[in-house]
Amino acid sequence: MAQPVKTNEEASIRINVNSQPCYLSEIVFQKCTHMRPGIRERDVMRHRPQYQGAPRTFPCCQDIPLYKFDTVPLLLGPVMSVNLVYRKAVSDAARAARYTEAAVSLTSKMASTVKDNLMVEVVPDSEKPSTGKVSVVGCGQVGMACAFSLLTQQICSELALTDVNEDKLRGEMLDLQHGLTFLKNVKISASSDSVVTAGSKVIIITAGARQKEGESRLSLVQRNVEIFKGLIPPLVKHSPNAVLVVVANPVDILTYVAWKLSGLPKHRVIGSGCNLDSARFRFHLSTRLNIAPSSCHGWIIGEHGDSSVPVWSGMNIAGVRLRDINPKIGTPEDPDNFAQLHKDVINSAYEIIKLKGYTSWAIGVSCSTLARGIIKNLRNVFSVTCSVQGHHGIEKDVFLSLPCVVGEEGITHIIKQQLDPQECEQLQKSANTIFEVQAGLTF
């Protein structure tokens, strides 16, 4: 409502325009119940401007004398508010306070903008939330590698970025937006407020303290738990149907933490886990055999870290198990020293961090592939962090990587791998390692 007005003021209209001009077909006056008794609509709108029918352009946020308005088309913005303020010239200031404001209601045909001259609307633009929205939490090196991979692989229809560093966040958003001409048209938004993630189908969580050179993933745990306490609940509030994909390290424990803090069912909280480890395993095998990585099949399970378990018993090329050819594969007695492949997997992250300071591209591609499987319900099998209680003799409530079927509801099935006794023992040892650290967490 308008504040009490001074005396000797004209009736006027204030126009607030927030965007580019558009065409208004008519202005309809509506009386307010609090108008001064005796003031009639025809008294307010009685002046017929001499330029009837000619569209007029008026400055934004400026008081325009009332006599210029009747049913004359105006050029205003598509997002606007127009208030009619009737200010009667009176000598008594006390009475002037009773002459407040009346509303002007606008019925418009947006027909004179470039957009509306260019095309005819068949149906209004859909305001339904996107079903292909992915949010990336944390816009560091890993987060932006995830975002870039999502865009270049044309996985999502909407991408939201959130981070505490607002300047970097906006810079990253603009940089990605400027490349959309060369990619699929994706709506990209960014904000330090988690509300920007609302309606996400997948939320990729990369935010957390960065792993230092020589630092084990497990040593990061408590620092990142504190970050997750303020991070997870708002994300779930805005996207209660989302699938969470945790990437921050130590990923196995933080996936457990995310599940505890989110209140979501276990199958909708996934860790990137050993998906990248398995990819590295296949890559090193491919270089040894000179075969494409996609044609080499091998799995790393358990902890994403030093106690991960290579499944030598299942490693194969085109269904041919390498153990059938070399029964000692992966053992200290292996003449081909295939055990070095697993050592290379474990040392990969440490080596990359030593050389360039961080890992990014491979984990970015890994996470975007997980997101694609969820959004498109592809039901691919990935070695991802999941609840392993009751599997392979593990009784503790911990999260580790096992081959899982991933679809639109998250993890739908866990593959029953036929592990040999030694592999089972290593997996259980990995679970015990995780549980020892997990038991000391403070929520």
Protein backbone atom coordinates (compact mmCIF):
# COMPACT_ATOMS: atom_id res chain seq x y z
CA MET A 1 0.00 0.00 0.00
CA ALA A 2 1.08 3.58 -0.63
CA GLN A 3 2.23 5.73 2.22
CA PRO A 4 0.04 8.75 3.12
CA VAL A 5 0.53 11.38 0.44
CA LYS A 6 1.25 15.03 0.64
CA THR A 7 -1.21 17.65 -0.54
CA ASN A 8 -1.44 19.13 -4.04
CA GLU A 9 -0.35 15.96 -5.86
CA GLU A 10 -1.74 14.64 -9.13
CA ALA A 11 -3.12 11.17 -9.78
CA SER A 12 -0.35 9.14 -11.29
CA ILE A 13 0.71 5.64 -12.35
CA ARG A 14 3.97 4.05 -11.35
CA ILE A 15 5.30 1.45 -13.80
CA ASN A 16 7.86 -1.12 -12.70
CA VAL A 17 9.42 -2.97 -15.61
CA ASN A 18 11.92 -5.79 -15.06
CA SER A 19 12.62 -6.94 -18.59
CA GLN A 20 12.36 -6.02 -22.28
CA PRO A 21 9.30 -4.25 -23.72
CA CYS A 22 6.12 -6.05 -24.72
CA TYR A 23 2.69 -5.02 -25.89
CA LEU A 24 -0.26 -4.46 -23.58
CA SER A 25 -3.65 -4.66 -25.25
CA GLU A 26 -5.61 -2.80 -22.61
CA ILE A 27 -5.64 -1.36 -19.13
CA VAL A 28 -8.63 -2.11 -16.97
CA PHE A 29 -9.25 -0.02 -13.90
CA GLN A 30 -10.40 -1.76 -10.74
CA LYS A 31 -11.76 0.14 -7.77
CA CYS A 32 -10.46 -0.53 -4.30
CA THR A 33 -12.85 -0.62 -1.37
CA HIS A 34 -10.78 1.91 0.48
CA MET A 35 -11.05 4.63 -2.19
CA ARG A 36 -12.45 7.93 -1.05
CA PRO A 37 -16.23 7.84 -1.19
CA GLY A 38 -17.60 9.68 -4.17
CA ILE A 39 -14.67 8.94 -6.47
CA ARG A 40 -16.07 7.05 -9.45
CA GLU A 41 -14.25 5.00 -12.03
CA ARG A 42 -15.34 7.28 -14.82
CA ASP A 43 -13.94 10.23 -12.89
CA VAL A 44 -10.56 8.59 -12.71
CA MET A 45 -10.47 7.33 -16.30
CA ARG A 46 -12.40 10.11 -17.99
CA HIS A 47 -9.53 11.72 -19.87
CA ARG A 48 -9.21 10.49 -23.46
CA PRO A 49 -5.67 11.10 -24.66
CA GLN A 50 -5.38 12.76 -28.04
CA TYR A 51 -2.95 10.07 -29.23
CA GLN A 52 -5.52 7.25 -28.84
CA GLY A 53 -4.36 4.01 -30.43
CA ALA A 54 -0.69 4.90 -30.67
CA PRO A 55 1.54 2.77 -28.41
CA ARG A 56 3.58 4.82 -25.99
CA THR A 57 6.82 4.04 -24.25
CA PHE A 58 7.35 5.35 -20.73
CA PRO A 59 10.41 5.14 -18.50
CA CYS A 60 10.64 2.39 -15.93
CA CYS A 61 9.81 3.11 -12.31
CA GLN A 62 8.55 6.63 -13.01
CA ASP A 63 5.32 8.32 -11.99
CA ILE A 64 3.20 9.03 -15.10
CA PRO A 65 0.31 11.53 -14.90
CA LEU A 66 -3.02 9.76 -14.93
CA TYR A 67 -4.53 11.72 -17.82
CA LYS A 68 -2.20 9.97 -20.25
CA PHE A 69 -3.87 6.62 -19.62
CA ASP A 70 -7.19 5.17 -20.62
CA THR A 71 -7.20 2.16 -22.93
CA VAL A 72 -4.09 3.25 -24.81
CA PRO A 73 -1.70 0.36 -25.62
CA LEU A 74 1.56 0.70 -23.77
CA LEU A 75 5.03 -0.73 -24.22
CA LEU A 76 5.99 -2.37 -20.94
CA GLY A 77 8.04 -5.34 -19.81
CA PRO A 78 6.74 -8.94 -19.65
CA VAL A 79 7.43 -8.97 -15.91
CA MET A 80 5.85 -5.89 -14.42
CA SER A 81 3.67 -4.29 -11.82
CA VAL A 82 1.57 -1.21 -12.45
CA ASN A 83 0.02 0.66 -9.58
CA LEU A 84 -2.48 3.47 -9.90
CA VAL A 85 -2.03 6.05 -7.16
CA TYR A 86 -4.92 8.52 -6.91
CA ARG A 87 -3.73 11.59 -5.12
CA LYS A 88 -6.44 14.26 -4.85
CA ALA A 89 -5.34 17.83 -4.31
CA VAL A 90 -6.67 18.82 -0.94
CA SER A 91 -5.87 21.44 1.61
CA ASP A 92 -6.21 19.22 4.65
CA ALA A 93 -3.18 16.92 5.12
CA ALA A 94 -5.07 14.77 7.60
CA ARG A 95 -7.70 14.00 4.95
CA ALA A 96 -5.00 13.26 2.40
CA ALA A 97 -3.95 10.20 4.37
CA ARG A 98 -7.34 8.64 3.55
CA TYR A 99 -6.72 8.84 -0.19
CA THR A 100 -4.64 5.73 -0.65
CA GLU A 101 -4.16 3.72 -3.84
CA ALA A 102 -6.25 1.76 -6.31
CA ALA A 103 -5.03 -1.12 -8.38
CA VAL A 104 -4.78 -1.31 -12.13
CA SER A 105 -5.28 -4.77 -13.54
CA LEU A 106 -3.63 -5.55 -16.87
CA THR A 107 -4.92 -7.87 -19.55
CA SER A 108 -2.14 -8.26 -22.09
CA LYS A 109 -1.33 -9.84 -25.40
CA MET A 110 2.44 -10.06 -25.61
CA ALA A 111 2.54 -9.46 -29.34
CA SER A 112 5.12 -6.83 -30.10
CA THR A 113 8.31 -8.42 -28.77
CA VAL A 114 10.82 -10.02 -31.11
CA LYS A 115 10.01 -13.41 -29.58
CA ASP A 116 6.28 -13.12 -30.26
CA ASN A 117 6.75 -11.74 -33.75
CA LEU A 118 9.09 -14.63 -34.47
CA MET A 119 6.85 -17.51 -33.41
CA VAL A 120 3.28 -18.40 -32.49
CA GLU A 121 2.60 -20.01 -29.14
CA VAL A 122 0.80 -23.33 -29.48
CA VAL A 123 0.78 -24.20 -25.78
CA PRO A 124 2.34 -22.35 -22.84
CA ASP A 125 5.88 -23.25 -21.80
CA SER A 126 5.91 -26.18 -19.41
CA GLU A 127 6.55 -25.26 -15.81
CA LYS A 128 6.83 -28.85 -14.65
CA PRO A 129 10.10 -29.71 -12.89
CA SER A 130 12.69 -31.40 -15.07
CA THR A 131 12.95 -35.16 -14.72
CA GLY A 132 16.54 -35.05 -15.98
CA LYS A 133 18.03 -32.62 -13.49
CA VAL A 134 21.43 -33.35 -12.00
CA SER A 135 23.01 -31.26 -9.25
CA VAL A 136 26.70 -31.13 -8.47
CA VAL A 137 27.57 -30.11 -4.92
CA GLY A 138 31.07 -28.70 -4.70
CA CYS A 139 32.65 -26.91 -7.65
CA GLY A 140 36.26 -27.84 -7.17
CA GLN A 141 38.28 -29.81 -9.69
CA VAL A 142 36.26 -33.01 -9.26
CA GLY A 143 32.89 -31.27 -9.24
CA MET A 144 33.57 -29.35 -12.42
CA ALA A 145 34.95 -32.46 -14.12
CA CYS A 146 31.63 -34.12 -13.27
CA ALA A 147 29.69 -31.13 -14.61
CA PHE A 148 31.72 -30.99 -17.82
CA SER A 149 31.28 -34.72 -18.40
CA LEU A 150 27.53 -34.46 -17.82
CA LEU A 151 27.30 -31.76 -20.48
CA THR A 152 29.59 -33.29 -23.09
CA GLN A 153 27.92 -36.71 -22.76
CA GLN A 154 24.48 -35.06 -23.06
CA ILE A 155 23.18 -36.78 -19.97
CA CYS A 156 21.00 -34.19 -18.22
CA SER A 157 18.42 -31.64 -19.31
CA GLU A 158 19.17 -29.36 -16.36
CA LEU A 159 22.36 -28.89 -14.38
CA ALA A 160 22.59 -27.14 -11.02
CA LEU A 161 25.83 -26.20 -9.31
CA THR A 162 26.24 -25.22 -5.68
CA ASP A 163 29.28 -24.25 -3.65
CA VAL A 164 30.23 -21.91 -0.82
CA ASN A 165 32.57 -19.89 -3.06
CA GLU A 166 30.08 -17.64 -4.87
CA ASP A 167 32.56 -15.93 -7.19
CA LYS A 168 34.06 -19.17 -8.44
CA LEU A 169 30.59 -20.67 -8.68
CA ARG A 170 29.31 -17.91 -10.94
CA GLY A 171 32.46 -17.99 -13.03
CA GLU A 172 32.15 -21.73 -13.60
CA MET A 173 28.47 -21.38 -14.49
CA LEU A 174 29.15 -18.66 -17.07
CA ASP A 175 32.05 -20.59 -18.55
CA LEU A 176 29.85 -23.65 -19.07
CA GLN A 177 26.91 -21.63 -20.38
CA HIS A 178 29.05 -19.99 -23.04
CA GLY A 179 29.86 -23.41 -24.49
CA LEU A 180 26.25 -24.52 -24.89
CA THR A 181 26.20 -23.51 -28.56
CA PHE A 182 28.47 -26.48 -29.24
CA LEU A 183 26.55 -28.88 -26.99
CA LYS A 184 23.03 -29.99 -26.19
CA ASN A 185 20.89 -27.15 -24.83
CA VAL A 186 20.94 -27.59 -21.07
CA LYS A 187 19.61 -25.22 -18.43
CA ILE A 188 22.55 -24.40 -16.16
CA SER A 189 22.00 -22.64 -12.84
CA ALA A 190 24.21 -21.98 -9.85
CA SER A 191 23.81 -20.69 -6.32
CA SER A 192 25.39 -20.99 -2.92
CA ASP A 193 21.87 -21.74 -1.63
CA SER A 194 20.99 -25.43 -1.85
CA VAL A 195 17.50 -24.49 -3.06
CA VAL A 196 19.04 -24.37 -6.55
CA THR A 197 19.19 -28.18 -6.43
CA ALA A 198 15.43 -28.54 -5.90
CA GLY A 199 13.79 -31.24 -7.99
CA SER A 200 17.01 -33.10 -8.80
CA LYS A 201 16.92 -36.71 -9.93
CA VAL A 202 20.61 -37.18 -9.12
CA ILE A 203 22.76 -35.22 -6.67
CA ILE A 204 26.51 -35.74 -7.00
CA ILE A 205 28.28 -34.75 -3.80
CA THR A 206 31.93 -33.83 -4.28
CA ALA A 207 32.18 -31.22 -1.52
CA GLY A 208 34.69 -31.98 1.16
CA ALA A 209 38.22 -31.44 2.35
CA ARG A 210 40.76 -32.22 -0.35
CA GLN A 211 43.04 -35.19 0.07
CA LYS A 212 46.62 -34.10 0.63
CA GLU A 213 49.68 -35.71 -0.87
CA GLY A 214 50.46 -38.89 0.99
CA GLU A 215 47.28 -38.68 3.05
CA SER A 216 45.12 -41.80 3.19
CA ARG A 217 41.43 -41.46 2.43
CA LEU A 218 40.48 -42.66 5.90
CA SER A 219 42.38 -39.83 7.59
CA LEU A 220 39.99 -37.37 5.94
CA VAL A 221 36.94 -38.82 7.55
CA GLN A 222 36.06 -36.67 10.55
CA ARG A 223 36.76 -33.40 8.74
CA ASN A 224 34.34 -34.35 6.02
CA VAL A 225 31.72 -35.68 8.42
CA GLU A 226 31.43 -32.18 9.86
CA ILE A 227 30.89 -30.77 6.38
CA PHE A 228 28.19 -33.34 5.63
CA LYS A 229 26.23 -32.45 8.75
CA GLY A 230 25.36 -29.07 7.27
CA LEU A 231 25.14 -30.30 3.70
CA ILE A 232 22.97 -33.39 3.42
CA PRO A 233 19.70 -32.42 5.19
CA PRO A 234 18.97 -29.32 3.02
CA LEU A 235 19.69 -31.27 -0.17
CA VAL A 236 17.21 -33.99 0.76
CA LYS A 237 14.66 -31.40 1.83
CA HIS A 238 14.68 -29.81 -1.63
CA SER A 239 14.93 -33.11 -3.56
CA PRO A 240 13.28 -35.84 -1.47
CA ASN A 241 13.12 -38.24 -4.45
CA ALA A 242 16.73 -37.86 -5.53
CA VAL A 243 19.43 -40.50 -5.68
CA LEU A 244 22.55 -39.33 -3.85
CA VAL A 245 25.92 -40.17 -5.40
CA VAL A 246 28.70 -39.53 -2.90
CA VAL A 247 32.16 -38.87 -4.31
CA ALA A 248 33.96 -37.08 -1.46
CA ASN A 249 36.58 -39.20 0.29
CA PRO A 250 36.72 -41.43 2.19
CA VAL A 251 33.77 -42.35 0.02
CA ASP A 252 32.71 -45.58 1.75
CA ILE A 253 32.36 -44.03 5.19
CA LEU A 254 30.88 -40.80 3.84
CA THR A 255 28.27 -42.80 1.93
CA TYR A 256 27.30 -44.35 5.25
CA VAL A 257 27.27 -40.87 6.83
CA ALA A 258 25.12 -39.50 4.00
CA TRP A 259 22.65 -42.33 4.46
CA LYS A 260 22.44 -41.74 8.22
CA LEU A 261 21.96 -37.99 7.81
CA SER A 262 19.57 -38.13 4.86
CA GLY A 263 16.93 -40.52 6.14
CA LEU A 264 16.73 -41.97 2.62
CA PRO A 265 16.51 -45.72 1.98
CA LYS A 266 19.89 -47.38 1.49
CA HIS A 267 19.34 -48.14 -2.18
CA ARG A 268 19.11 -44.40 -2.97
CA VAL A 269 22.45 -43.48 -1.40
CA ILE A 270 25.33 -44.62 -3.59
CA GLY A 271 29.06 -44.05 -3.38
CA SER A 272 31.27 -43.80 -6.45
CA GLY A 273 33.33 -46.44 -4.64
CA CYS A 274 35.43 -48.80 -6.74
CA ASN A 275 33.85 -47.88 -10.06
CA LEU A 276 36.96 -45.90 -10.98
CA ASP A 277 39.26 -48.49 -9.38
CA SER A 278 37.69 -51.15 -11.62
CA ALA A 279 38.17 -48.91 -14.65
CA ARG A 280 41.82 -48.42 -13.74
CA PHE A 281 42.19 -52.16 -13.28
CA ARG A 282 40.78 -52.79 -16.74
CA PHE A 283 42.98 -50.09 -18.23
CA HIS A 284 46.18 -51.57 -16.80
CA LEU A 285 45.09 -55.00 -17.99
CA SER A 286 44.43 -53.60 -21.44
CA THR A 287 47.93 -52.14 -21.68
CA ARG A 288 49.40 -55.49 -20.61
CA LEU A 289 47.41 -57.40 -23.29
CA ASN A 290 47.09 -54.64 -25.90
CA ILE A 291 43.30 -54.98 -25.94
CA ALA A 292 40.78 -52.16 -25.56
CA PRO A 293 39.79 -51.51 -21.91
CA SER A 294 36.12 -52.03 -22.77
CA SER A 295 36.95 -55.61 -23.81
CA CYS A 296 38.84 -56.41 -20.61
CA HIS A 297 36.68 -57.53 -17.69
CA GLY A 298 37.83 -57.31 -14.12
CA TRP A 299 36.47 -56.03 -10.83
CA ILE A 300 37.80 -54.23 -7.81
CA ILE A 301 35.52 -54.48 -4.76
CA GLY A 302 35.64 -53.55 -1.07
CA GLU A 303 37.12 -50.28 0.11
CA HIS A 304 37.91 -47.54 -2.34
CA GLY A 305 41.45 -47.38 -1.12
CA ASP A 306 44.38 -49.34 0.15
CA SER A 307 42.43 -52.44 1.25
CA SER A 308 40.50 -52.87 -2.00
CA VAL A 309 40.10 -56.41 -3.30
CA PRO A 310 40.92 -57.44 -6.89
CA VAL A 311 38.69 -60.30 -8.04
CA TRP A 312 41.29 -62.37 -9.86
CA SER A 313 38.92 -65.32 -10.02
CA GLY A 314 36.60 -63.46 -12.35
CA MET A 315 39.04 -61.60 -14.60
CA ASN A 316 38.35 -62.57 -18.21
CA ILE A 317 38.62 -61.64 -21.86
CA ALA A 318 35.60 -62.63 -23.96
CA GLY A 319 34.57 -65.08 -21.25
CA VAL A 320 37.98 -66.74 -21.04
CA ARG A 321 39.08 -66.64 -17.41
CA LEU A 322 42.73 -65.71 -17.07
CA ARG A 323 42.95 -67.91 -13.98
CA ASP A 324 42.17 -70.92 -16.15
CA ILE A 325 45.23 -70.03 -18.22
CA ASN A 326 47.41 -68.97 -15.29
CA PRO A 327 46.21 -70.54 -12.01
CA LYS A 328 48.67 -68.43 -10.01
CA ILE A 329 47.51 -65.09 -11.45
CA GLY A 330 47.64 -62.32 -8.86
CA THR A 331 49.66 -64.35 -6.36
CA PRO A 332 53.29 -63.83 -5.33
CA GLU A 333 54.17 -66.94 -7.36
CA ASP A 334 52.66 -65.52 -10.57
CA PRO A 335 55.40 -65.61 -13.24
CA ASP A 336 53.67 -62.75 -15.10
CA ASN A 337 53.40 -60.61 -11.95
CA PHE A 338 49.81 -59.58 -12.59
CA ALA A 339 49.65 -58.48 -8.94
CA GLN A 340 51.43 -55.33 -10.07
CA LEU A 341 48.20 -54.30 -11.82
CA HIS A 342 46.44 -54.00 -8.47
CA LYS A 343 49.36 -52.12 -6.96
CA ASP A 344 49.16 -49.69 -9.85
CA VAL A 345 45.43 -49.21 -9.17
CA ILE A 346 46.08 -48.42 -5.50
CA ASN A 347 48.91 -46.02 -6.31
CA SER A 348 47.11 -44.30 -9.20
CA ALA A 349 45.46 -41.57 -7.17
CA TYR A 350 48.57 -40.95 -5.08
CA GLU A 351 50.70 -40.62 -8.20
CA ILE A 352 48.27 -38.25 -9.93
CA ILE A 353 47.96 -36.08 -6.83
CA LYS A 354 51.74 -35.93 -6.59
CA LEU A 355 52.05 -34.92 -10.25
CA LYS A 356 49.15 -32.47 -10.70
CA GLY A 357 47.79 -31.88 -7.21
CA TYR A 358 44.41 -33.58 -7.60
CA THR A 359 42.46 -36.16 -9.58
CA SER A 360 39.52 -35.00 -11.68
CA TRP A 361 38.84 -36.19 -15.22
CA ALA A 362 38.52 -39.92 -14.70
CA ILE A 363 36.31 -39.60 -11.61
CA GLY A 364 34.24 -37.00 -13.48
CA VAL A 365 33.57 -39.42 -16.33
CA SER A 366 32.86 -42.21 -13.83
CA CYS A 367 30.24 -40.14 -11.99
CA SER A 368 28.55 -38.87 -15.12
CA THR A 369 28.23 -42.49 -16.30
CA LEU A 370 26.53 -43.38 -13.02
CA ALA A 371 24.18 -40.40 -13.45
CA ARG A 372 23.30 -41.50 -16.98
CA GLY A 373 22.48 -44.99 -15.72
CA ILE A 374 20.14 -43.55 -13.09
CA ILE A 375 18.38 -40.97 -15.26
CA LYS A 376 17.87 -43.31 -18.21
CA ASN A 377 17.29 -46.43 -16.10
CA LEU A 378 19.96 -48.30 -18.04
CA ARG A 379 20.45 -50.96 -15.36
CA ASN A 380 24.18 -51.21 -15.92
CA VAL A 381 26.37 -53.04 -13.40
CA PHE A 382 28.92 -50.89 -11.57
CA SER A 383 31.21 -51.50 -8.63
CA VAL A 384 29.72 -48.87 -6.33
CA THR A 385 29.50 -48.31 -2.60
CA CYS A 386 26.43 -49.93 -1.08
CA SER A 387 25.29 -51.54 2.15
CA VAL A 388 27.10 -54.89 2.32
CA GLN A 389 25.66 -56.24 5.55
CA GLY A 390 24.68 -59.88 4.96
CA HIS A 391 26.86 -60.30 1.87
CA HIS A 392 29.96 -62.52 1.71
CA GLY A 393 29.85 -63.20 5.44
CA ILE A 394 29.93 -59.52 6.47
CA GLU A 395 27.80 -58.94 9.56
CA LYS A 396 28.68 -55.32 10.33
CA ASP A 397 26.57 -52.42 9.02
CA VAL A 398 29.12 -50.91 6.68
CA PHE A 399 29.17 -49.61 3.11
CA LEU A 400 31.66 -51.07 0.63
CA SER A 401 31.77 -51.59 -3.12
CA LEU A 402 30.17 -54.60 -4.78
CA PRO A 403 28.90 -55.01 -8.36
CA CYS A 404 25.41 -53.48 -8.36
CA VAL A 405 22.63 -53.01 -10.88
CA VAL A 406 21.99 -49.25 -11.05
CA GLY A 407 18.74 -47.77 -12.38
CA GLU A 408 16.30 -44.95 -11.77
CA GLU A 409 15.64 -46.05 -8.18
CA GLY A 410 19.34 -46.29 -7.39
CA ILE A 411 20.67 -49.77 -6.57
CA THR A 412 18.11 -52.45 -7.40
CA HIS A 413 20.26 -55.59 -7.17
CA ILE A 414 23.64 -56.68 -5.82
CA ILE A 415 25.42 -59.30 -7.90
CA LYS A 416 26.27 -62.53 -6.06
CA GLN A 417 29.86 -62.88 -7.10
CA GLN A 418 31.43 -66.30 -6.67
CA LEU A 419 34.48 -65.24 -4.69
CA ASP A 420 37.17 -67.66 -3.64
CA PRO A 421 37.95 -68.00 0.11
CA GLN A 422 40.94 -65.66 -0.05
CA GLU A 423 38.90 -62.93 -1.75
CA CYS A 424 36.12 -63.30 0.84
CA GLU A 425 38.66 -63.02 3.63
CA GLN A 426 40.14 -59.85 2.12
CA LEU A 427 36.67 -58.33 1.71
CA GLN A 428 35.80 -59.05 5.33
CA LYS A 429 39.08 -57.53 6.43
CA SER A 430 38.25 -54.43 4.39
CA ALA A 431 34.86 -54.26 6.14
CA ASN A 432 36.54 -54.48 9.54
CA THR A 433 38.92 -51.66 8.60
CA ILE A 434 36.02 -49.42 7.64
CA PHE A 435 33.97 -50.33 10.70
CA GLU A 436 36.78 -49.48 13.10
CA VAL A 437 36.94 -45.94 11.77
CA GLN A 438 33.18 -45.67 11.40
CA ALA A 439 32.62 -46.66 15.04
CA GLY A 440 34.58 -43.62 16.20
CA LEU A 441 32.59 -41.06 14.23
CA THR A 442 30.81 -38.23 15.99
CA PHE A 443 27.51 -37.24 14.38
